PDB file of all heavy atoms in Angstrom:
ATOM      1  N   ILE A   1      15.750  43.999 -53.656  1.00  0.00           N
ATOM      2  CA  ILE A   1      15.352  42.705 -54.211  1.00  0.00           C
ATOM      3  C   ILE A   1      15.145  42.858 -55.710  1.00  0.00           C
ATOM      4  O   ILE A   1      14.438  43.762 -56.161  1.00  0.00           O
ATOM      5  CB  ILE A   1      14.070  42.200 -53.531  1.00  0.00           C
ATOM      6  CG1 ILE A   1      14.313  42.039 -52.033  1.00  0.00           C
ATOM      7  CG2 ILE A   1      13.595  40.898 -54.160  1.00  0.00           C
ATOM      8  CD1 ILE A   1      13.063  41.741 -51.235  1.00  0.00           C
ATOM      9  N   GLU A   2      15.769  41.975 -56.483  1.00  0.00           N
ATOM     10  CA  GLU A   2      15.689  42.095 -57.938  1.00  0.00           C
ATOM     11  C   GLU A   2      14.535  41.306 -58.548  1.00  0.00           C
ATOM     12  O   GLU A   2      14.002  41.695 -59.570  1.00  0.00           O
ATOM     13  CB  GLU A   2      17.011  41.647 -58.559  1.00  0.00           C
ATOM     14  CG  GLU A   2      18.152  42.570 -58.193  1.00  0.00           C
ATOM     15  CD  GLU A   2      19.462  42.172 -58.853  1.00  0.00           C
ATOM     16  OE1 GLU A   2      19.435  41.354 -59.783  1.00  0.00           O
ATOM     17  OE2 GLU A   2      20.499  42.699 -58.431  1.00  0.00           O
ATOM     18  N   LYS A   3      14.157  40.187 -57.957  1.00  0.00           N
ATOM     19  CA  LYS A   3      13.103  39.349 -58.524  1.00  0.00           C
ATOM     20  C   LYS A   3      11.804  39.546 -57.757  1.00  0.00           C
ATOM     21  O   LYS A   3      11.802  39.935 -56.601  1.00  0.00           O
ATOM     22  CB  LYS A   3      13.509  37.879 -58.466  1.00  0.00           C
ATOM     23  CG  LYS A   3      14.693  37.563 -59.340  1.00  0.00           C
ATOM     24  CD  LYS A   3      15.012  36.098 -59.311  1.00  0.00           C
ATOM     25  CE  LYS A   3      16.187  35.799 -60.221  1.00  0.00           C
ATOM     26  NZ  LYS A   3      16.496  34.376 -60.267  1.00  0.00           N
ATOM     27  N   GLY A   4      10.707  39.262 -58.449  1.00  0.00           N
ATOM     28  CA  GLY A   4       9.397  39.358 -57.812  1.00  0.00           C
ATOM     29  C   GLY A   4       8.721  40.676 -58.116  1.00  0.00           C
ATOM     30  O   GLY A   4       9.331  41.639 -58.551  1.00  0.00           O
ATOM     31  N   LYS A   5       7.443  40.701 -57.894  1.00  0.00           N
ATOM     32  CA  LYS A   5       6.623  41.900 -58.105  1.00  0.00           C
ATOM     33  C   LYS A   5       6.659  42.751 -56.853  1.00  0.00           C
ATOM     34  O   LYS A   5       6.578  42.244 -55.739  1.00  0.00           O
ATOM     35  CB  LYS A   5       5.187  41.466 -58.420  1.00  0.00           C
ATOM     36  CG  LYS A   5       4.152  42.540 -58.384  1.00  0.00           C
ATOM     37  CD  LYS A   5       4.159  43.391 -59.604  1.00  0.00           C
ATOM     38  CE  LYS A   5       2.961  44.336 -59.515  1.00  0.00           C
ATOM     39  NZ  LYS A   5       2.920  45.357 -60.441  1.00  0.00           N
ATOM     40  N   LYS A   6       6.791  44.052 -57.030  1.00  0.00           N
ATOM     41  CA  LYS A   6       6.834  44.985 -55.911  1.00  0.00           C
ATOM     42  C   LYS A   6       5.594  45.866 -55.933  1.00  0.00           C
ATOM     43  O   LYS A   6       5.194  46.355 -56.981  1.00  0.00           O
ATOM     44  CB  LYS A   6       8.084  45.857 -55.995  1.00  0.00           C
ATOM     45  CG  LYS A   6       9.365  45.055 -55.954  1.00  0.00           C
ATOM     46  CD  LYS A   6      10.557  45.928 -56.195  1.00  0.00           C
ATOM     47  CE  LYS A   6      11.811  45.090 -56.323  1.00  0.00           C
ATOM     48  NZ  LYS A   6      12.982  45.895 -56.661  1.00  0.00           N
ATOM     49  N   LEU A   7       4.997  46.047 -54.780  1.00  0.00           N
ATOM     50  CA  LEU A   7       3.832  46.911 -54.647  1.00  0.00           C
ATOM     51  C   LEU A   7       4.105  47.895 -53.524  1.00  0.00           C
ATOM     52  O   LEU A   7       4.341  47.505 -52.386  1.00  0.00           O
ATOM     53  CB  LEU A   7       2.579  46.080 -54.322  1.00  0.00           C
ATOM     54  CG  LEU A   7       1.301  46.869 -54.062  1.00  0.00           C
ATOM     55  CD1 LEU A   7       0.853  47.601 -55.325  1.00  0.00           C
ATOM     56  CD2 LEU A   7       0.199  45.948 -53.559  1.00  0.00           C
ATOM     57  N   TYR A   8       4.084  49.164 -53.878  1.00  0.00           N
ATOM     58  CA  TYR A   8       4.289  50.222 -52.890  1.00  0.00           C
ATOM     59  C   TYR A   8       2.920  50.748 -52.495  1.00  0.00           C
ATOM     60  O   TYR A   8       2.182  51.260 -53.332  1.00  0.00           O
ATOM     61  CB  TYR A   8       5.160  51.332 -53.473  1.00  0.00           C
ATOM     62  CG  TYR A   8       6.529  50.835 -53.864  1.00  0.00           C
ATOM     63  CD1 TYR A   8       6.818  50.473 -55.166  1.00  0.00           C
ATOM     64  CD2 TYR A   8       7.532  50.722 -52.912  1.00  0.00           C
ATOM     65  CE1 TYR A   8       8.072  50.001 -55.530  1.00  0.00           C
ATOM     66  CE2 TYR A   8       8.793  50.256 -53.257  1.00  0.00           C
ATOM     67  CZ  TYR A   8       9.059  49.900 -54.560  1.00  0.00           C
ATOM     68  OH  TYR A   8      10.301  49.433 -54.896  1.00  0.00           O
ATOM     69  N   ILE A   9       2.580  50.597 -51.227  1.00  0.00           N
ATOM     70  CA  ILE A   9       1.252  50.972 -50.760  1.00  0.00           C
ATOM     71  C   ILE A   9       1.317  52.225 -49.883  1.00  0.00           C
ATOM     72  O   ILE A   9       2.349  52.559 -49.318  1.00  0.00           O
ATOM     73  CB  ILE A   9       0.577  49.812 -49.994  1.00  0.00           C
ATOM     74  CG1 ILE A   9       1.427  49.356 -48.819  1.00  0.00           C
ATOM     75  CG2 ILE A   9       0.277  48.657 -50.928  1.00  0.00           C
ATOM     76  CD1 ILE A   9       0.810  48.240 -47.995  1.00  0.00           C
ATOM     77  N   THR A  10       0.177  52.890 -49.790  1.00  0.00           N
ATOM     78  CA  THR A  10       0.040  54.094 -48.984  1.00  0.00           C
ATOM     79  C   THR A  10       0.066  53.721 -47.503  1.00  0.00           C
ATOM     80  O   THR A  10      -0.477  52.694 -47.110  1.00  0.00           O
ATOM     81  CB  THR A  10      -1.284  54.797 -49.321  1.00  0.00           C
ATOM     82  OG1 THR A  10      -1.324  55.033 -50.727  1.00  0.00           O
ATOM     83  CG2 THR A  10      -1.416  56.116 -48.594  1.00  0.00           C
ATOM     84  N   ASN A  11       0.670  54.558 -46.697  1.00  0.00           N
ATOM     85  CA  ASN A  11       0.765  54.300 -45.265  1.00  0.00           C
ATOM     86  C   ASN A  11      -0.520  54.745 -44.572  1.00  0.00           C
ATOM     87  O   ASN A  11      -0.551  55.700 -43.803  1.00  0.00           O
ATOM     88  CB  ASN A  11       1.984  55.007 -44.680  1.00  0.00           C
ATOM     89  CG  ASN A  11       2.312  54.529 -43.291  1.00  0.00           C
ATOM     90  OD1 ASN A  11       1.639  53.664 -42.761  1.00  0.00           O
ATOM     91  ND2 ASN A  11       3.347  55.093 -42.708  1.00  0.00           N
ATOM     92  N   SER A  12      -1.588  54.053 -44.895  1.00  0.00           N
ATOM     93  CA  SER A  12      -2.905  54.313 -44.326  1.00  0.00           C
ATOM     94  C   SER A  12      -3.608  52.968 -44.201  1.00  0.00           C
ATOM     95  O   SER A  12      -3.646  52.198 -45.173  1.00  0.00           O
ATOM     96  CB  SER A  12      -3.710  55.239 -45.243  1.00  0.00           C
ATOM     97  OG  SER A  12      -5.081  55.201 -44.914  1.00  0.00           O
ATOM     98  N   PHE A  13      -4.159  52.680 -43.044  1.00  0.00           N
ATOM     99  CA  PHE A  13      -4.751  51.369 -42.810  1.00  0.00           C
ATOM    100  C   PHE A  13      -5.816  51.028 -43.849  1.00  0.00           C
ATOM    101  O   PHE A  13      -5.760  49.983 -44.476  1.00  0.00           O
ATOM    102  CB  PHE A  13      -5.322  51.290 -41.397  1.00  0.00           C
ATOM    103  CG  PHE A  13      -5.814  49.925 -41.029  1.00  0.00           C
ATOM    104  CD1 PHE A  13      -4.920  48.905 -40.767  1.00  0.00           C
ATOM    105  CD2 PHE A  13      -7.163  49.656 -40.967  1.00  0.00           C
ATOM    106  CE1 PHE A  13      -5.366  47.633 -40.439  1.00  0.00           C
ATOM    107  CE2 PHE A  13      -7.626  48.398 -40.646  1.00  0.00           C
ATOM    108  CZ  PHE A  13      -6.725  47.378 -40.381  1.00  0.00           C
ATOM    109  N   THR A  14      -6.779  51.898 -44.060  1.00  0.00           N
ATOM    110  CA  THR A  14      -7.868  51.579 -44.990  1.00  0.00           C
ATOM    111  C   THR A  14      -7.412  51.621 -46.443  1.00  0.00           C
ATOM    112  O   THR A  14      -7.797  50.766 -47.239  1.00  0.00           O
ATOM    113  CB  THR A  14      -9.063  52.531 -44.791  1.00  0.00           C
ATOM    114  OG1 THR A  14      -8.610  53.878 -44.881  1.00  0.00           O
ATOM    115  CG2 THR A  14      -9.710  52.319 -43.441  1.00  0.00           C
ATOM    116  N   THR A  15      -6.593  52.583 -46.801  1.00  0.00           N
ATOM    117  CA  THR A  15      -6.136  52.700 -48.187  1.00  0.00           C
ATOM    118  C   THR A  15      -5.210  51.554 -48.560  1.00  0.00           C
ATOM    119  O   THR A  15      -5.327  50.994 -49.652  1.00  0.00           O
ATOM    120  CB  THR A  15      -5.416  54.046 -48.412  1.00  0.00           C
ATOM    121  OG1 THR A  15      -6.288  55.099 -48.007  1.00  0.00           O
ATOM    122  CG2 THR A  15      -5.038  54.231 -49.865  1.00  0.00           C
ATOM    123  N   SER A  16      -4.321  51.181 -47.674  1.00  0.00           N
ATOM    124  CA  SER A  16      -3.376  50.104 -47.986  1.00  0.00           C
ATOM    125  C   SER A  16      -4.100  48.772 -48.170  1.00  0.00           C
ATOM    126  O   SER A  16      -3.725  47.973 -49.027  1.00  0.00           O
ATOM    127  CB  SER A  16      -2.296  49.991 -46.914  1.00  0.00           C
ATOM    128  OG  SER A  16      -2.848  49.702 -45.658  1.00  0.00           O
ATOM    129  N   ILE A  17      -5.142  48.527 -47.402  1.00  0.00           N
ATOM    130  CA  ILE A  17      -5.927  47.300 -47.574  1.00  0.00           C
ATOM    131  C   ILE A  17      -6.560  47.274 -48.953  1.00  0.00           C
ATOM    132  O   ILE A  17      -6.508  46.263 -49.657  1.00  0.00           O
ATOM    133  CB  ILE A  17      -7.008  47.179 -46.479  1.00  0.00           C
ATOM    134  CG1 ILE A  17      -6.359  46.904 -45.132  1.00  0.00           C
ATOM    135  CG2 ILE A  17      -8.014  46.092 -46.820  1.00  0.00           C
ATOM    136  CD1 ILE A  17      -7.325  46.941 -43.972  1.00  0.00           C
ATOM    137  N   THR A  18      -7.139  48.385 -49.373  1.00  0.00           N
ATOM    138  CA  THR A  18      -7.767  48.470 -50.690  1.00  0.00           C
ATOM    139  C   THR A  18      -6.752  48.260 -51.804  1.00  0.00           C
ATOM    140  O   THR A  18      -7.012  47.525 -52.765  1.00  0.00           O
ATOM    141  CB  THR A  18      -8.470  49.828 -50.861  1.00  0.00           C
ATOM    142  OG1 THR A  18      -9.421  49.992 -49.805  1.00  0.00           O
ATOM    143  CG2 THR A  18      -9.172  49.926 -52.202  1.00  0.00           C
ATOM    144  N   GLU A  19      -5.594  48.886 -51.691  1.00  0.00           N
ATOM    145  CA  GLU A  19      -4.554  48.745 -52.711  1.00  0.00           C
ATOM    146  C   GLU A  19      -4.082  47.297 -52.815  1.00  0.00           C
ATOM    147  O   GLU A  19      -3.911  46.774 -53.919  1.00  0.00           O
ATOM    148  CB  GLU A  19      -3.367  49.653 -52.392  1.00  0.00           C
ATOM    149  CG  GLU A  19      -3.683  51.121 -52.531  1.00  0.00           C
ATOM    150  CD  GLU A  19      -2.587  52.032 -52.011  1.00  0.00           C
ATOM    151  OE1 GLU A  19      -1.702  51.584 -51.248  1.00  0.00           O
ATOM    152  OE2 GLU A  19      -2.619  53.226 -52.373  1.00  0.00           O
ATOM    153  N   LEU A  20      -3.898  46.644 -51.696  1.00  0.00           N
ATOM    154  CA  LEU A  20      -3.462  45.250 -51.704  1.00  0.00           C
ATOM    155  C   LEU A  20      -4.553  44.335 -52.250  1.00  0.00           C
ATOM    156  O   LEU A  20      -4.283  43.453 -53.065  1.00  0.00           O
ATOM    157  CB  LEU A  20      -3.047  44.811 -50.301  1.00  0.00           C
ATOM    158  CG  LEU A  20      -2.522  43.392 -50.171  1.00  0.00           C
ATOM    159  CD1 LEU A  20      -1.322  43.160 -51.082  1.00  0.00           C
ATOM    160  CD2 LEU A  20      -2.168  43.090 -48.734  1.00  0.00           C
ATOM    161  N   GLU A  21      -5.782  44.549 -51.841  1.00  0.00           N
ATOM    162  CA  GLU A  21      -6.897  43.737 -52.356  1.00  0.00           C
ATOM    163  C   GLU A  21      -7.031  43.867 -53.867  1.00  0.00           C
ATOM    164  O   GLU A  21      -7.255  42.865 -54.562  1.00  0.00           O
ATOM    165  CB  GLU A  21      -8.204  44.133 -51.678  1.00  0.00           C
ATOM    166  CG  GLU A  21      -8.330  43.649 -50.259  1.00  0.00           C
ATOM    167  CD  GLU A  21      -9.597  44.138 -49.574  1.00  0.00           C
ATOM    168  OE1 GLU A  21     -10.195  45.141 -50.007  1.00  0.00           O
ATOM    169  OE2 GLU A  21      -9.965  43.501 -48.575  1.00  0.00           O
ATOM    170  N   ASN A  22      -6.888  45.085 -54.386  1.00  0.00           N
ATOM    171  CA  ASN A  22      -6.987  45.299 -55.827  1.00  0.00           C
ATOM    172  C   ASN A  22      -5.881  44.548 -56.569  1.00  0.00           C
ATOM    173  O   ASN A  22      -6.129  43.966 -57.634  1.00  0.00           O
ATOM    174  CB  ASN A  22      -6.931  46.783 -56.164  1.00  0.00           C
ATOM    175  CG  ASN A  22      -8.177  47.508 -55.747  1.00  0.00           C
ATOM    176  OD1 ASN A  22      -9.240  46.906 -55.573  1.00  0.00           O
ATOM    177  ND2 ASN A  22      -8.080  48.814 -55.559  1.00  0.00           N
ATOM    178  N   GLU A  23      -4.681  44.549 -56.038  1.00  0.00           N
ATOM    179  CA  GLU A  23      -3.571  43.831 -56.660  1.00  0.00           C
ATOM    180  C   GLU A  23      -3.823  42.325 -56.643  1.00  0.00           C
ATOM    181  O   GLU A  23      -3.583  41.640 -57.633  1.00  0.00           O
ATOM    182  CB  GLU A  23      -2.255  44.151 -55.938  1.00  0.00           C
ATOM    183  CG  GLU A  23      -1.063  43.413 -56.468  1.00  0.00           C
ATOM    184  CD  GLU A  23      -0.653  43.791 -57.881  1.00  0.00           C
ATOM    185  OE1 GLU A  23      -0.950  44.920 -58.334  1.00  0.00           O
ATOM    186  OE2 GLU A  23      -0.024  42.952 -58.551  1.00  0.00           O
ATOM    187  N   LEU A  24      -4.329  41.818 -55.542  1.00  0.00           N
ATOM    188  CA  LEU A  24      -4.557  40.385 -55.423  1.00  0.00           C
ATOM    189  C   LEU A  24      -5.730  39.910 -56.287  1.00  0.00           C
ATOM    190  O   LEU A  24      -5.756  38.751 -56.704  1.00  0.00           O
ATOM    191  CB  LEU A  24      -4.802  40.015 -53.953  1.00  0.00           C
ATOM    192  CG  LEU A  24      -3.586  40.209 -53.035  1.00  0.00           C
ATOM    193  CD1 LEU A  24      -3.974  39.932 -51.580  1.00  0.00           C
ATOM    194  CD2 LEU A  24      -2.424  39.361 -53.467  1.00  0.00           C
ATOM    195  N   LYS A  25      -6.696  40.791 -56.577  1.00  0.00           N
ATOM    196  CA  LYS A  25      -7.799  40.437 -57.459  1.00  0.00           C
ATOM    197  C   LYS A  25      -7.321  40.250 -58.892  1.00  0.00           C
ATOM    198  O   LYS A  25      -7.845  39.421 -59.626  1.00  0.00           O
ATOM    199  CB  LYS A  25      -8.874  41.531 -57.439  1.00  0.00           C
ATOM    200  CG  LYS A  25      -9.729  41.539 -56.202  1.00  0.00           C
ATOM    201  CD  LYS A  25     -10.731  42.680 -56.282  1.00  0.00           C
ATOM    202  CE  LYS A  25     -11.453  42.861 -54.964  1.00  0.00           C
ATOM    203  NZ  LYS A  25     -12.348  44.038 -54.997  1.00  0.00           N
ATOM    204  N   CYS A  26      -6.326  41.035 -59.291  1.00  0.00           N
ATOM    205  CA  CYS A  26      -5.847  41.029 -60.676  1.00  0.00           C
ATOM    206  C   CYS A  26      -4.761  39.989 -60.934  1.00  0.00           C
ATOM    207  O   CYS A  26      -4.540  39.620 -62.082  1.00  0.00           O
ATOM    208  CB  CYS A  26      -5.311  42.408 -61.047  1.00  0.00           C
ATOM    209  SG  CYS A  26      -6.555  43.706 -60.971  1.00  0.00           S
TER     210      CYS A  26
END
């Protein structure tokens, strides 16, 4: 996919939630 923001998250339930939440806060 060429357009849009890409976020690569860790394959861990708790870590991936934190990474996504941090991105959505900003």
